Amino acid sequence: MSFADMVPAIKPKADPMRQATLKGFATATDLADYLVRKGLPFRDAHEVVGKAVGLGVSTGRDLAEFDLAELQAFDGRIEADVFEVLTLEGSVNARDHFGGTAPAQVRKQIADARAKLA
C-alpha cells in the first residue's frame, strides 16, 4: 500500500488532537511575540515568558488559564487582548506565511499535495 492509498483512509480524532495541543505551553511563543509587538525586546520577552511558564508549571495551569492581573504581574504591557493570542486558534492563525499553520496556508499545502499526487 502506498502513501497515496493511505491518505484517504486517515481519520483524525479531533478532540484528542485538540486536547494534546492545549498541553505543554504551546502558546508561549505567542506570548513572547505579543510582548515584542508591544515594544519589549525579544530577549526580555523571552525572560518574561519563562517566568510565566514557570508559574504555570508550578501551579499546573496553562498560560490561558491565568487571569489578567497574574499576567500583568510579569509585565505591565500585557492587556486584555492577550487572551486572543493565548488560544489554539490565535496561535494557529498567527502563522499565516508559507509553510505556516494558518488555515489558508494549510489548505494551500493540501491543494499542492493533492496536485502532486494526481
PDB file of N, CA and C in Angstrom:
ATOM      1  N   MET A   1       0.845  -1.175   0.000  1.00  0.00           N
ATOM      2  CA  MET A   1       0.000   0.000   0.000  1.00  0.00           C
ATOM      3  C   MET A   1       0.892   1.240   0.000  1.00  0.00           C
ATOM      4  N   SER A   2       0.620   2.156  -0.906  1.00  0.00           N
ATOM      5  CA  SER A   2       1.415   3.378  -0.991  1.00  0.00           C
ATOM      6  C   SER A   2       0.848   4.457  -0.066  1.00  0.00           C
ATOM      7  N   PHE A   3       1.643   5.483   0.148  1.00  0.00           N
ATOM      8  CA  PHE A   3       1.207   6.613   0.968  1.00  0.00           C
ATOM      9  C   PHE A   3      -0.068   7.225   0.390  1.00  0.00           C
ATOM     10  N   ALA A   4      -0.118   7.368  -0.915  1.00  0.00           N
ATOM     11  CA  ALA A   4      -1.299   7.956  -1.567  1.00  0.00           C
ATOM     12  C   ALA A   4      -2.554   7.143  -1.293  1.00  0.00           C
ATOM     13  N   ASP A   5      -2.400   5.821  -1.149  1.00  0.00           N
ATOM     14  CA  ASP A   5      -3.540   4.963  -0.837  1.00  0.00           C
ATOM     15  C   ASP A   5      -3.987   5.133   0.617  1.00  0.00           C
ATOM     16  N   MET A   6      -3.041   5.435   1.492  1.00  0.00           N
ATOM     17  CA  MET A   6      -3.358   5.550   2.917  1.00  0.00           C
ATOM     18  C   MET A   6      -4.020   6.884   3.279  1.00  0.00           C
ATOM     19  N   VAL A   7      -3.672   7.942   2.591  1.00  0.00           N
ATOM     20  CA  VAL A   7      -4.161   9.278   2.952  1.00  0.00           C
ATOM     21  C   VAL A   7      -5.682   9.347   3.031  1.00  0.00           C
ATOM     22  N   PRO A   8      -6.414   8.843   2.060  1.00  0.00           N
ATOM     23  CA  PRO A   8      -7.877   8.925   2.164  1.00  0.00           C
ATOM     24  C   PRO A   8      -8.443   8.156   3.358  1.00  0.00           C
ATOM     25  N   ALA A   9      -7.688   7.186   3.864  1.00  0.00           N
ATOM     26  CA  ALA A   9      -8.172   6.375   4.980  1.00  0.00           C
ATOM     27  C   ALA A   9      -7.876   7.002   6.343  1.00  0.00           C
ATOM     28  N   ILE A  10      -7.105   8.074   6.368  1.00  0.00           N
ATOM     29  CA  ILE A  10      -6.769   8.713   7.642  1.00  0.00           C
ATOM     30  C   ILE A  10      -8.012   9.380   8.216  1.00  0.00           C
ATOM     31  N   LYS A  11      -8.312   9.056   9.454  1.00  0.00           N
ATOM     32  CA  LYS A  11      -9.463   9.631  10.152  1.00  0.00           C
ATOM     33  C   LYS A  11      -8.957  10.296  11.436  1.00  0.00           C
ATOM     34  N   PRO A  12      -8.687  11.596  11.381  1.00  0.00           N
ATOM     35  CA  PRO A  12      -8.181  12.268  12.585  1.00  0.00           C
ATOM     36  C   PRO A  12      -9.221  12.275  13.700  1.00  0.00           C
ATOM     37  N   LYS A  13      -8.747  12.188  14.913  1.00  0.00           N
ATOM     38  CA  LYS A  13      -9.607  12.249  16.095  1.00  0.00           C
ATOM     39  C   LYS A  13      -9.457  13.656  16.675  1.00  0.00           C
ATOM     40  N   ALA A  14     -10.370  14.531  16.286  1.00  0.00           N
ATOM     41  CA  ALA A  14     -10.245  15.958  16.569  1.00  0.00           C
ATOM     42  C   ALA A  14     -10.147  16.277  18.057  1.00  0.00           C
ATOM     43  N   ASP A  15     -10.980  15.681  18.890  1.00  0.00           N
ATOM     44  CA  ASP A  15     -10.964  16.045  20.302  1.00  0.00           C
ATOM     45  C   ASP A  15      -9.650  15.670  20.983  1.00  0.00           C
ATOM     46  N   PRO A  16      -9.158  14.440  20.834  1.00  0.00           N
ATOM     47  CA  PRO A  16      -7.857  14.132  21.448  1.00  0.00           C
ATOM     48  C   PRO A  16      -6.722  14.993  20.882  1.00  0.00           C
ATOM     49  N   MET A  17      -6.795  15.307  19.585  1.00  0.00           N
ATOM     50  CA  MET A  17      -5.773  16.160  18.989  1.00  0.00           C
ATOM     51  C   MET A  17      -5.804  17.551  19.621  1.00  0.00           C
ATOM     52  N   ARG A  18      -7.000  18.101  19.787  1.00  0.00           N
ATOM     53  CA  ARG A  18      -7.137  19.430  20.388  1.00  0.00           C
ATOM     54  C   ARG A  18      -6.633  19.416  21.825  1.00  0.00           C
ATOM     55  N   GLN A  19      -7.012  18.411  22.590  1.00  0.00           N
ATOM     56  CA  GLN A  19      -6.572  18.325  23.986  1.00  0.00           C
ATOM     57  C   GLN A  19      -5.047  18.239  24.074  1.00  0.00           C
ATOM     58  N   ALA A  20      -4.435  17.524  23.164  1.00  0.00           N
ATOM     59  CA  ALA A  20      -2.970  17.399  23.173  1.00  0.00           C
ATOM     60  C   ALA A  20      -2.303  18.739  22.888  1.00  0.00           C
ATOM     61  N   THR A  21      -2.912  19.542  22.037  1.00  0.00           N
ATOM     62  CA  THR A  21      -2.303  20.837  21.708  1.00  0.00           C
ATOM     63  C   THR A  21      -2.410  21.827  22.860  1.00  0.00           C
ATOM     64  N   LEU A  22      -3.321  21.598  23.762  1.00  0.00           N
ATOM     65  CA  LEU A  22      -3.509  22.528  24.874  1.00  0.00           C
ATOM     66  C   LEU A  22      -2.562  22.246  26.037  1.00  0.00           C
ATOM     67  N   LYS A  23      -1.684  21.296  25.863  1.00  0.00           N
ATOM     68  CA  LYS A  23      -0.727  20.948  26.912  1.00  0.00           C
ATOM     69  C   LYS A  23       0.673  21.392  26.485  1.00  0.00           C
ATOM     70  N   GLY A  24       1.500  21.684  27.442  1.00  0.00           N
ATOM     71  CA  GLY A  24       2.898  21.945  27.129  1.00  0.00           C
ATOM     72  C   GLY A  24       3.215  23.386  26.758  1.00  0.00           C
ATOM     73  N   PHE A  25       2.353  24.314  27.090  1.00  0.00           N
ATOM     74  CA  PHE A  25       2.634  25.734  26.874  1.00  0.00           C
ATOM     75  C   PHE A  25       2.910  26.062  25.412  1.00  0.00           C
ATOM     76  N   ALA A  26       2.056  25.538  24.547  1.00  0.00           N
ATOM     77  CA  ALA A  26       2.204  25.750  23.108  1.00  0.00           C
ATOM     78  C   ALA A  26       2.078  27.216  22.716  1.00  0.00           C
ATOM     79  N   THR A  27       1.459  28.029  23.549  1.00  0.00           N
ATOM     80  CA  THR A  27       1.282  29.445  23.208  1.00  0.00           C
ATOM     81  C   THR A  27       2.359  30.336  23.819  1.00  0.00           C
ATOM     82  N   ALA A  28       3.400  29.763  24.388  1.00  0.00           N
ATOM     83  CA  ALA A  28       4.466  30.566  24.995  1.00  0.00           C
ATOM     84  C   ALA A  28       5.113  31.491  23.965  1.00  0.00           C
ATOM     85  N   THR A  29       5.380  30.983  22.782  1.00  0.00           N
ATOM     86  CA  THR A  29       5.974  31.811  21.733  1.00  0.00           C
ATOM     87  C   THR A  29       5.024  32.931  21.338  1.00  0.00           C
ATOM     88  N   ASP A  30       3.723  32.643  21.346  1.00  0.00           N
ATOM     89  CA  ASP A  30       2.741  33.671  21.006  1.00  0.00           C
ATOM     90  C   ASP A  30       2.765  34.799  22.035  1.00  0.00           C
ATOM     91  N   LEU A  31       2.944  34.446  23.301  1.00  0.00           N
ATOM     92  CA  LEU A  31       3.038  35.480  24.330  1.00  0.00           C
ATOM     93  C   LEU A  31       4.294  36.323  24.126  1.00  0.00           C
ATOM     94  N   ALA A  32       5.394  35.688  23.791  1.00  0.00           N
ATOM     95  CA  ALA A  32       6.628  36.438  23.516  1.00  0.00           C
ATOM     96  C   ALA A  32       6.436  37.358  22.312  1.00  0.00           C
ATOM     97  N   ASP A  33       5.843  36.853  21.243  1.00  0.00           N
ATOM     98  CA  ASP A  33       5.580  37.680  20.058  1.00  0.00           C
ATOM     99  C   ASP A  33       4.680  38.856  20.413  1.00  0.00           C
ATOM    100  N   TYR A  34       3.674  38.618  21.237  1.00  0.00           N
ATOM    101  CA  TYR A  34       2.756  39.663  21.700  1.00  0.00           C
ATOM    102  C   TYR A  34       3.542  40.765  22.412  1.00  0.00           C
ATOM    103  N   LEU A  35       4.419  40.373  23.307  1.00  0.00           N
ATOM    104  CA  LEU A  35       5.196  41.359  24.057  1.00  0.00           C
ATOM    105  C   LEU A  35       6.142  42.139  23.154  1.00  0.00           C
ATOM    106  N   VAL A  36       6.702  41.480  22.161  1.00  0.00           N
ATOM    107  CA  VAL A  36       7.559  42.174  21.197  1.00  0.00           C
ATOM    108  C   VAL A  36       6.746  43.214  20.438  1.00  0.00           C
ATOM    109  N   ARG A  37       5.534  42.850  20.020  1.00  0.00           N
ATOM    110  CA  ARG A  37       4.671  43.820  19.322  1.00  0.00           C
ATOM    111  C   ARG A  37       4.331  45.007  20.230  1.00  0.00           C
ATOM    112  N   LYS A  38       4.351  44.784  21.537  1.00  0.00           N
ATOM    113  CA  LYS A  38       4.071  45.858  22.497  1.00  0.00           C
ATOM    114  C   LYS A  38       5.328  46.677  22.811  1.00  0.00           C
ATOM    115  N   GLY A  39       6.457  46.343  22.194  1.00  0.00           N
ATOM    116  CA  GLY A  39       7.670  47.133  22.340  1.00  0.00           C
ATOM    117  C   GLY A  39       8.752  46.540  23.223  1.00  0.00           C
ATOM    118  N   LEU A  40       8.560  45.364  23.761  1.00  0.00           N
ATOM    119  CA  LEU A  40       9.562  44.733  24.611  1.00  0.00           C
ATOM    120  C   LEU A  40      10.575  43.997  23.737  1.00  0.00           C
ATOM    121  N   PRO A  41      11.868  44.210  23.949  1.00  0.00           N
ATOM    122  CA  PRO A  41      12.857  43.458  23.167  1.00  0.00           C
ATOM    123  C   PRO A  41      12.662  41.948  23.377  1.00  0.00           C
ATOM    124  N   PHE A  42      12.951  41.167  22.340  1.00  0.00           N
ATOM    125  CA  PHE A  42      12.684  39.730  22.415  1.00  0.00           C
ATOM    126  C   PHE A  42      13.402  39.077  23.583  1.00  0.00           C
ATOM    127  N   ARG A  43      14.651  39.449  23.833  1.00  0.00           N
ATOM    128  CA  ARG A  43      15.394  38.808  24.934  1.00  0.00           C
ATOM    129  C   ARG A  43      14.665  39.010  26.261  1.00  0.00           C
ATOM    130  N   ASP A  44      14.043  40.185  26.432  1.00  0.00           N
ATOM    131  CA  ASP A  44      13.281  40.458  27.652  1.00  0.00           C
ATOM    132  C   ASP A  44      11.939  39.734  27.635  1.00  0.00           C
ATOM    133  N   ALA A  45      11.318  39.673  26.464  1.00  0.00           N
ATOM    134  CA  ALA A  45      10.050  38.951  26.336  1.00  0.00           C
ATOM    135  C   ALA A  45      10.264  37.475  26.654  1.00  0.00           C
ATOM    136  N   HIS A  46      11.369  36.933  26.190  1.00  0.00           N
ATOM    137  CA  HIS A  46      11.698  35.535  26.465  1.00  0.00           C
ATOM    138  C   HIS A  46      11.813  35.295  27.971  1.00  0.00           C
ATOM    139  N   GLU A  47      12.428  36.220  28.669  1.00  0.00           N
ATOM    140  CA  GLU A  47      12.572  36.091  30.120  1.00  0.00           C
ATOM    141  C   GLU A  47      11.213  36.172  30.820  1.00  0.00           C
ATOM    142  N   VAL A  48      10.376  37.102  30.387  1.00  0.00           N
ATOM    143  CA  VAL A  48       9.035  37.243  30.962  1.00  0.00           C
ATOM    144  C   VAL A  48       8.239  35.958  30.769  1.00  0.00           C
ATOM    145  N   VAL A  49       8.277  35.444  29.563  1.00  0.00           N
ATOM    146  CA  VAL A  49       7.525  34.220  29.262  1.00  0.00           C
ATOM    147  C   VAL A  49       8.068  33.041  30.065  1.00  0.00           C
ATOM    148  N   GLY A  50       9.369  32.974  30.220  1.00  0.00           N
ATOM    149  CA  GLY A  50       9.958  31.911  31.022  1.00  0.00           C
ATOM    150  C   GLY A  50       9.433  31.930  32.452  1.00  0.00           C
ATOM    151  N   LYS A  51       9.295  33.119  33.014  1.00  0.00           N
ATOM    152  CA  LYS A  51       8.760  33.237  34.373  1.00  0.00           C
ATOM    153  C   LYS A  51       7.284  32.834  34.414  1.00  0.00           C
ATOM    154  N   ALA A  52       6.544  33.240  33.399  1.00  0.00           N
ATOM    155  CA  ALA A  52       5.123  32.875  33.339  1.00  0.00           C
ATOM    156  C   ALA A  52       4.961  31.362  33.210  1.00  0.00           C
ATOM    157  N   VAL A  53       5.755  30.762  32.360  1.00  0.00           N
ATOM    158  CA  VAL A  53       5.699  29.303  32.200  1.00  0.00           C
ATOM    159  C   VAL A  53       6.099  28.622  33.509  1.00  0.00           C
ATOM    160  N   GLY A  54       7.083  29.177  34.188  1.00  0.00           N
ATOM    161  CA  GLY A  54       7.478  28.621  35.482  1.00  0.00           C
ATOM    162  C   GLY A  54       6.326  28.597  36.463  1.00  0.00           C
ATOM    163  N   LEU A  55       5.563  29.686  36.505  1.00  0.00           N
ATOM    164  CA  LEU A  55       4.381  29.722  37.372  1.00  0.00           C
ATOM    165  C   LEU A  55       3.353  28.695  36.906  1.00  0.00           C
ATOM    166  N   GLY A  56       3.187  28.585  35.601  1.00  0.00           N
ATOM    167  CA  GLY A  56       2.246  27.598  35.066  1.00  0.00           C
ATOM    168  C   GLY A  56       2.621  26.185  35.451  1.00  0.00           C
ATOM    169  N   VAL A  57       3.906  25.878  35.374  1.00  0.00           N
ATOM    170  CA  VAL A  57       4.374  24.539  35.747  1.00  0.00           C
ATOM    171  C   VAL A  57       4.118  24.299  37.232  1.00  0.00           C
ATOM    172  N   SER A  58       4.445  25.290  38.050  1.00  0.00           N
ATOM    173  CA  SER A  58       4.314  25.088  39.499  1.00  0.00           C
ATOM    174  C   SER A  58       2.868  25.034  39.970  1.00  0.00           C
ATOM    175  N   THR A  59       1.959  25.644  39.193  1.00  0.00           N
ATOM    176  CA  THR A  59       0.546  25.652  39.593  1.00  0.00           C
ATOM    177  C   THR A  59      -0.313  24.718  38.744  1.00  0.00           C
ATOM    178  N   GLY A  60       0.302  24.066  37.746  1.00  0.00           N
ATOM    179  CA  GLY A  60      -0.446  23.135  36.901  1.00  0.00           C
ATOM    180  C   GLY A  60      -1.451  23.810  35.989  1.00  0.00           C
ATOM    181  N   ARG A  61      -1.121  25.033  35.543  1.00  0.00           N
ATOM    182  CA  ARG A  61      -2.036  25.770  34.661  1.00  0.00           C
ATOM    183  C   ARG A  61      -1.335  26.196  33.382  1.00  0.00           C
ATOM    184  N   ASP A  62      -2.127  26.319  32.329  1.00  0.00           N
ATOM    185  CA  ASP A  62      -1.646  26.844  31.061  1.00  0.00           C
ATOM    186  C   ASP A  62      -1.685  28.368  31.119  1.00  0.00           C
ATOM    187  N   LEU A  63      -0.951  29.026  30.229  1.00  0.00           N
ATOM    188  CA  LEU A  63      -0.921  30.487  30.211  1.00  0.00           C
ATOM    189  C   LEU A  63      -2.317  31.091  30.056  1.00  0.00           C
ATOM    190  N   ALA A  64      -3.153  30.462  29.262  1.00  0.00           N
ATOM    191  CA  ALA A  64      -4.511  30.973  29.028  1.00  0.00           C
ATOM    192  C   ALA A  64      -5.385  30.863  30.271  1.00  0.00           C
ATOM    193  N   GLU A  65      -4.954  30.085  31.252  1.00  0.00           N
ATOM    194  CA  GLU A  65      -5.732  29.925  32.475  1.00  0.00           C
ATOM    195  C   GLU A  65      -5.394  30.978  33.540  1.00  0.00           C
ATOM    196  N   PHE A  66      -4.367  31.769  33.297  1.00  0.00           N
ATOM    197  CA  PHE A  66      -4.045  32.855  34.221  1.00  0.00           C
ATOM    198  C   PHE A  66      -5.069  33.961  34.058  1.00  0.00           C
ATOM    199  N   ASP A  67      -5.314  34.715  35.119  1.00  0.00           N
ATOM    200  CA  ASP A  67      -6.163  35.891  34.938  1.00  0.00           C
ATOM    201  C   ASP A  67      -5.272  37.057  34.527  1.00  0.00           C
ATOM    202  N   LEU A  68      -5.904  38.129  34.104  1.00  0.00           N
ATOM    203  CA  LEU A  68      -5.161  39.267  33.569  1.00  0.00           C
ATOM    204  C   LEU A  68      -4.178  39.830  34.592  1.00  0.00           C
ATOM    205  N   ALA A  69      -4.594  39.946  35.830  1.00  0.00           N
ATOM    206  CA  ALA A  69      -3.705  40.504  36.855  1.00  0.00           C
ATOM    207  C   ALA A  69      -2.451  39.646  37.038  1.00  0.00           C
ATOM    208  N   GLU A  70      -2.606  38.338  36.963  1.00  0.00           N
ATOM    209  CA  GLU A  70      -1.436  37.460  37.095  1.00  0.00           C
ATOM    210  C   GLU A  70      -0.457  37.702  35.948  1.00  0.00           C
ATOM    211  N   LEU A  71      -0.983  37.811  34.739  1.00  0.00           N
ATOM    212  CA  LEU A  71      -0.119  38.052  33.586  1.00  0.00           C
ATOM    213  C   LEU A  71       0.517  39.435  33.663  1.00  0.00           C
ATOM    214  N   GLN A  72      -0.235  40.426  34.101  1.00  0.00           N
ATOM    215  CA  GLN A  72       0.300  41.780  34.205  1.00  0.00           C
ATOM    216  C   GLN A  72       1.391  41.882  35.259  1.00  0.00           C
ATOM    217  N   ALA A  73       1.390  40.981  36.226  1.00  0.00           N
ATOM    218  CA  ALA A  73       2.456  40.976  37.229  1.00  0.00           C
ATOM    219  C   ALA A  73       3.808  40.651  36.581  1.00  0.00           C
ATOM    220  N   PHE A  74       3.785  39.977  35.443  1.00  0.00           N
ATOM    221  CA  PHE A  74       5.017  39.672  34.725  1.00  0.00           C
ATOM    222  C   PHE A  74       5.471  40.838  33.866  1.00  0.00           C
ATOM    223  N   ASP A  75       4.518  41.582  33.316  1.00  0.00           N
ATOM    224  CA  ASP A  75       4.846  42.761  32.509  1.00  0.00           C
ATOM    225  C   ASP A  75       3.601  43.625  32.347  1.00  0.00           C
ATOM    226  N   GLY A  76       3.742  44.886  32.610  1.00  0.00           N
ATOM    227  CA  GLY A  76       2.623  45.818  32.542  1.00  0.00           C
ATOM    228  C   GLY A  76       2.091  46.081  31.148  1.00  0.00           C
ATOM    229  N   ARG A  77       2.824  45.670  30.125  1.00  0.00           N
ATOM    230  CA  ARG A  77       2.343  45.866  28.750  1.00  0.00           C
ATOM    231  C   ARG A  77       1.203  44.913  28.405  1.00  0.00           C
ATOM    232  N   ILE A  78       1.052  43.885  29.199  1.00  0.00           N
ATOM    233  CA  ILE A  78       0.025  42.883  28.918  1.00  0.00           C
ATOM    234  C   ILE A  78      -1.349  43.460  29.223  1.00  0.00           C
ATOM    235  N   GLU A  79      -2.224  43.374  28.232  1.00  0.00           N
ATOM    236  CA  GLU A  79      -3.592  43.881  28.351  1.00  0.00           C
ATOM    237  C   GLU A  79      -4.573  42.751  28.043  1.00  0.00           C
ATOM    238  N   ALA A  80      -5.848  43.038  28.158  1.00  0.00           N
ATOM    239  CA  ALA A  80      -6.883  42.011  27.977  1.00  0.00           C
ATOM    240  C   ALA A  80      -6.815  41.339  26.603  1.00  0.00           C
ATOM    241  N   ASP A  81      -6.293  42.044  25.597  1.00  0.00           N
ATOM    242  CA  ASP A  81      -6.208  41.452  24.261  1.00  0.00           C
ATOM    243  C   ASP A  81      -5.231  40.274  24.195  1.00  0.00           C
ATOM    244  N   VAL A  82      -4.452  40.061  25.242  1.00  0.00           N
ATOM    245  CA  VAL A  82      -3.513  38.941  25.250  1.00  0.00           C
ATOM    246  C   VAL A  82      -4.235  37.606  25.122  1.00  0.00           C
ATOM    247  N   PHE A  83      -5.463  37.549  25.616  1.00  0.00           N
ATOM    248  CA  PHE A  83      -6.178  36.275  25.583  1.00  0.00           C
ATOM    249  C   PHE A  83      -6.562  35.860  24.164  1.00  0.00           C
ATOM    250  N   GLU A  84      -6.519  36.801  23.220  1.00  0.00           N
ATOM    251  CA  GLU A  84      -6.755  36.453  21.813  1.00  0.00           C
ATOM    252  C   GLU A  84      -5.590  35.645  21.250  1.00  0.00           C
ATOM    253  N   VAL A  85      -4.373  35.879  21.767  1.00  0.00           N
ATOM    254  CA  VAL A  85      -3.211  35.150  21.257  1.00  0.00           C
ATOM    255  C   VAL A  85      -2.920  33.895  22.069  1.00  0.00           C
ATOM    256  N   LEU A  86      -3.515  33.774  23.240  1.00  0.00           N
ATOM    257  CA  LEU A  86      -3.259  32.611  24.089  1.00  0.00           C
ATOM    258  C   LEU A  86      -4.279  31.498  23.883  1.00  0.00           C
ATOM    259  N   THR A  87      -4.816  31.432  22.676  1.00  0.00           N
ATOM    260  CA  THR A  87      -5.739  30.365  22.315  1.00  0.00           C
ATOM    261  C   THR A  87      -5.113  29.538  21.202  1.00  0.00           C
ATOM    262  N   LEU A  88      -5.589  28.333  21.058  1.00  0.00           N
ATOM    263  CA  LEU A  88      -5.111  27.486  19.961  1.00  0.00           C
ATOM    264  C   LEU A  88      -5.364  28.178  18.622  1.00  0.00           C
ATOM    265  N   GLU A  89      -6.554  28.728  18.465  1.00  0.00           N
ATOM    266  CA  GLU A  89      -6.903  29.385  17.196  1.00  0.00           C
ATOM    267  C   GLU A  89      -6.012  30.597  16.941  1.00  0.00           C
ATOM    268  N   GLY A  90      -5.786  31.392  17.982  1.00  0.00           N
ATOM    269  CA  GLY A  90      -4.926  32.561  17.830  1.00  0.00           C
ATOM    270  C   GLY A  90      -3.512  32.178  17.446  1.00  0.00           C
ATOM    271  N   SER A  91      -3.014  31.120  18.057  1.00  0.00           N
ATOM    272  CA  SER A  91      -1.672  30.653  17.762  1.00  0.00           C
ATOM    273  C   SER A  91      -1.565  30.150  16.326  1.00  0.00           C
ATOM    274  N   VAL A  92      -2.518  29.343  15.920  1.00  0.00           N
ATOM    275  CA  VAL A  92      -2.516  28.785  14.566  1.00  0.00           C
ATOM    276  C   VAL A  92      -2.642  29.905  13.530  1.00  0.00           C
ATOM    277  N   ASN A  93      -3.551  30.827  13.751  1.00  0.00           N
ATOM    278  CA  ASN A  93      -3.792  31.911  12.792  1.00  0.00           C
ATOM    279  C   ASN A  93      -2.629  32.892  12.694  1.00  0.00           C
ATOM    280  N   ALA A  94      -1.814  32.974  13.730  1.00  0.00           N
ATOM    281  CA  ALA A  94      -0.697  33.920  13.735  1.00  0.00           C
ATOM    282  C   ALA A  94       0.386  33.546  12.720  1.00  0.00           C
ATOM    283  N   ARG A  95       0.394  32.326  12.281  1.00  0.00           N
ATOM    284  CA  ARG A  95       1.443  31.877  11.372  1.00  0.00           C
ATOM    285  C   ARG A  95       0.901  31.771   9.945  1.00  0.00           C
ATOM    286  N   ASP A  96       0.548  32.917   9.410  1.00  0.00           N
ATOM    287  CA  ASP A  96      -0.020  32.986   8.063  1.00  0.00           C
ATOM    288  C   ASP A  96       1.068  33.348   7.058  1.00  0.00           C
ATOM    289  N   HIS A  97       1.968  32.400   6.844  1.00  0.00           N
ATOM    290  CA  HIS A  97       3.058  32.544   5.894  1.00  0.00           C
ATOM    291  C   HIS A  97       3.357  31.172   5.307  1.00  0.00           C
ATOM    292  N   PHE A  98       4.159  31.130   4.263  1.00  0.00           N
ATOM    293  CA  PHE A  98       4.455  29.871   3.588  1.00  0.00           C
ATOM    294  C   PHE A  98       4.888  28.815   4.605  1.00  0.00           C
ATOM    295  N   GLY A  99       4.217  27.686   4.585  1.00  0.00           N
ATOM    296  CA  GLY A  99       4.531  26.596   5.493  1.00  0.00           C
ATOM    297  C   GLY A  99       3.956  26.772   6.887  1.00  0.00           C
ATOM    298  N   GLY A 100       3.217  27.866   7.093  1.00  0.00           N
ATOM    299  CA  GLY A 100       2.660  28.155   8.407  1.00  0.00           C
ATOM    300  C   GLY A 100       1.408  27.347   8.705  1.00  0.00           C
ATOM    301  N   THR A 101       0.897  27.552   9.914  1.00  0.00           N
ATOM    302  CA  THR A 101      -0.236  26.769  10.401  1.00  0.00           C
ATOM    303  C   THR A 101      -1.590  27.434  10.189  1.00  0.00           C
ATOM    304  N   ALA A 102      -1.622  28.656   9.680  1.00  0.00           N
ATOM    305  CA  ALA A 102      -2.904  29.327   9.435  1.00  0.00           C
ATOM    306  C   ALA A 102      -3.734  28.485   8.463  1.00  0.00           C
ATOM    307  N   PRO A 103      -5.049  28.437   8.671  1.00  0.00           N
ATOM    308  CA  PRO A 103      -5.893  27.596   7.811  1.00  0.00           C
ATOM    309  C   PRO A 103      -5.688  27.823   6.309  1.00  0.00           C
ATOM    310  N   ALA A 104      -5.535  29.053   5.891  1.00  0.00           N
ATOM    311  CA  ALA A 104      -5.326  29.316   4.462  1.00  0.00           C
ATOM    312  C   ALA A 104      -4.035  28.666   3.972  1.00  0.00           C
ATOM    313  N   GLN A 105      -2.995  28.693   4.785  1.00  0.00           N
ATOM    314  CA  GLN A 105      -1.725  28.074   4.407  1.00  0.00           C
ATOM    315  C   GLN A 105      -1.842  26.555   4.356  1.00  0.00           C
ATOM    316  N   VAL A 106      -2.550  25.986   5.305  1.00  0.00           N
ATOM    317  CA  VAL A 106      -2.735  24.526   5.337  1.00  0.00           C
ATOM    318  C   VAL A 106      -3.550  24.083   4.127  1.00  0.00           C
ATOM    319  N   ARG A 107      -4.606  24.831   3.815  1.00  0.00           N
ATOM    320  CA  ARG A 107      -5.408  24.476   2.627  1.00  0.00           C
ATOM    321  C   ARG A 107      -4.555  24.532   1.365  1.00  0.00           C
ATOM    322  N   LYS A 108      -3.683  25.533   1.262  1.00  0.00           N
ATOM    323  CA  LYS A 108      -2.812  25.638   0.096  1.00  0.00           C
ATOM    324  C   LYS A 108      -1.869  24.440   0.016  1.00  0.00           C
ATOM    325  N   GLN A 109      -1.292  24.050   1.140  1.00  0.00           N
ATOM    326  CA  GLN A 109      -0.382  22.900   1.142  1.00  0.00           C
ATOM    327  C   GLN A 109      -1.122  21.609   0.793  1.00  0.00           C
ATOM    328  N   ILE A 110      -2.352  21.480   1.258  1.00  0.00           N
ATOM    329  CA  ILE A 110      -3.161  20.298   0.915  1.00  0.00           C
ATOM    330  C   ILE A 110      -3.429  20.272  -0.584  1.00  0.00           C
ATOM    331  N   ALA A 111      -3.801  21.440  -1.136  1.00  0.00           N
ATOM    332  CA  ALA A 111      -4.073  21.514  -2.572  1.00  0.00           C
ATOM    333  C   ALA A 111      -2.818  21.174  -3.372  1.00  0.00           C
ATOM    334  N   ASP A 112      -1.670  21.690  -2.928  1.00  0.00           N
ATOM    335  CA  ASP A 112      -0.407  21.390  -3.624  1.00  0.00           C
ATOM    336  C   ASP A 112      -0.089  19.902  -3.547  1.00  0.00           C
ATOM    337  N   ALA A 113      -0.299  19.298  -2.380  1.00  0.00           N
ATOM    338  CA  ALA A 113      -0.014  17.866  -2.223  1.00  0.00           C
ATOM    339  C   ALA A 113      -0.944  17.032  -3.092  1.00  0.00           C
ATOM    340  N   ARG A 114      -2.217  17.408  -3.132  1.00  0.00           N
ATOM    341  CA  ARG A 114      -3.174  16.666  -3.970  1.00  0.00           C
ATOM    342  C   ARG A 114      -2.791  16.767  -5.439  1.00  0.00           C
ATOM    343  N   ALA A 115      -2.336  17.955  -5.848  1.00  0.00           N
ATOM    344  CA  ALA A 115      -1.934  18.134  -7.239  1.00  0.00           C
ATOM    345  C   ALA A 115      -0.732  17.239  -7.574  1.00  0.00           C
ATOM    346  N   LYS A 116       0.190  17.112  -6.628  1.00  0.00           N
ATOM    347  CA  LYS A 116       1.358  16.257  -6.860  1.00  0.00           C
ATOM    348  C   LYS A 116       0.964  14.781  -6.906  1.00  0.00           C
ATOM    349  N   LEU A 117      -0.041  14.401  -6.119  1.00  0.00           N
ATOM    350  CA  LEU A 117      -0.480  13.008  -6.085  1.00  0.00           C
ATOM    351  C   LEU A 117      -1.310  12.642  -7.309  1.00  0.00           C
ATOM    352  N   ALA A 118      -1.923  13.628  -7.927  1.00  0.00           N
ATOM    353  CA  ALA A 118      -2.816  13.354  -9.072  1.00  0.00           C
ATOM    354  C   ALA A 118      -2.038  12.952 -10.308  1.00  0.00           C
TER     355      ALA A 118
END
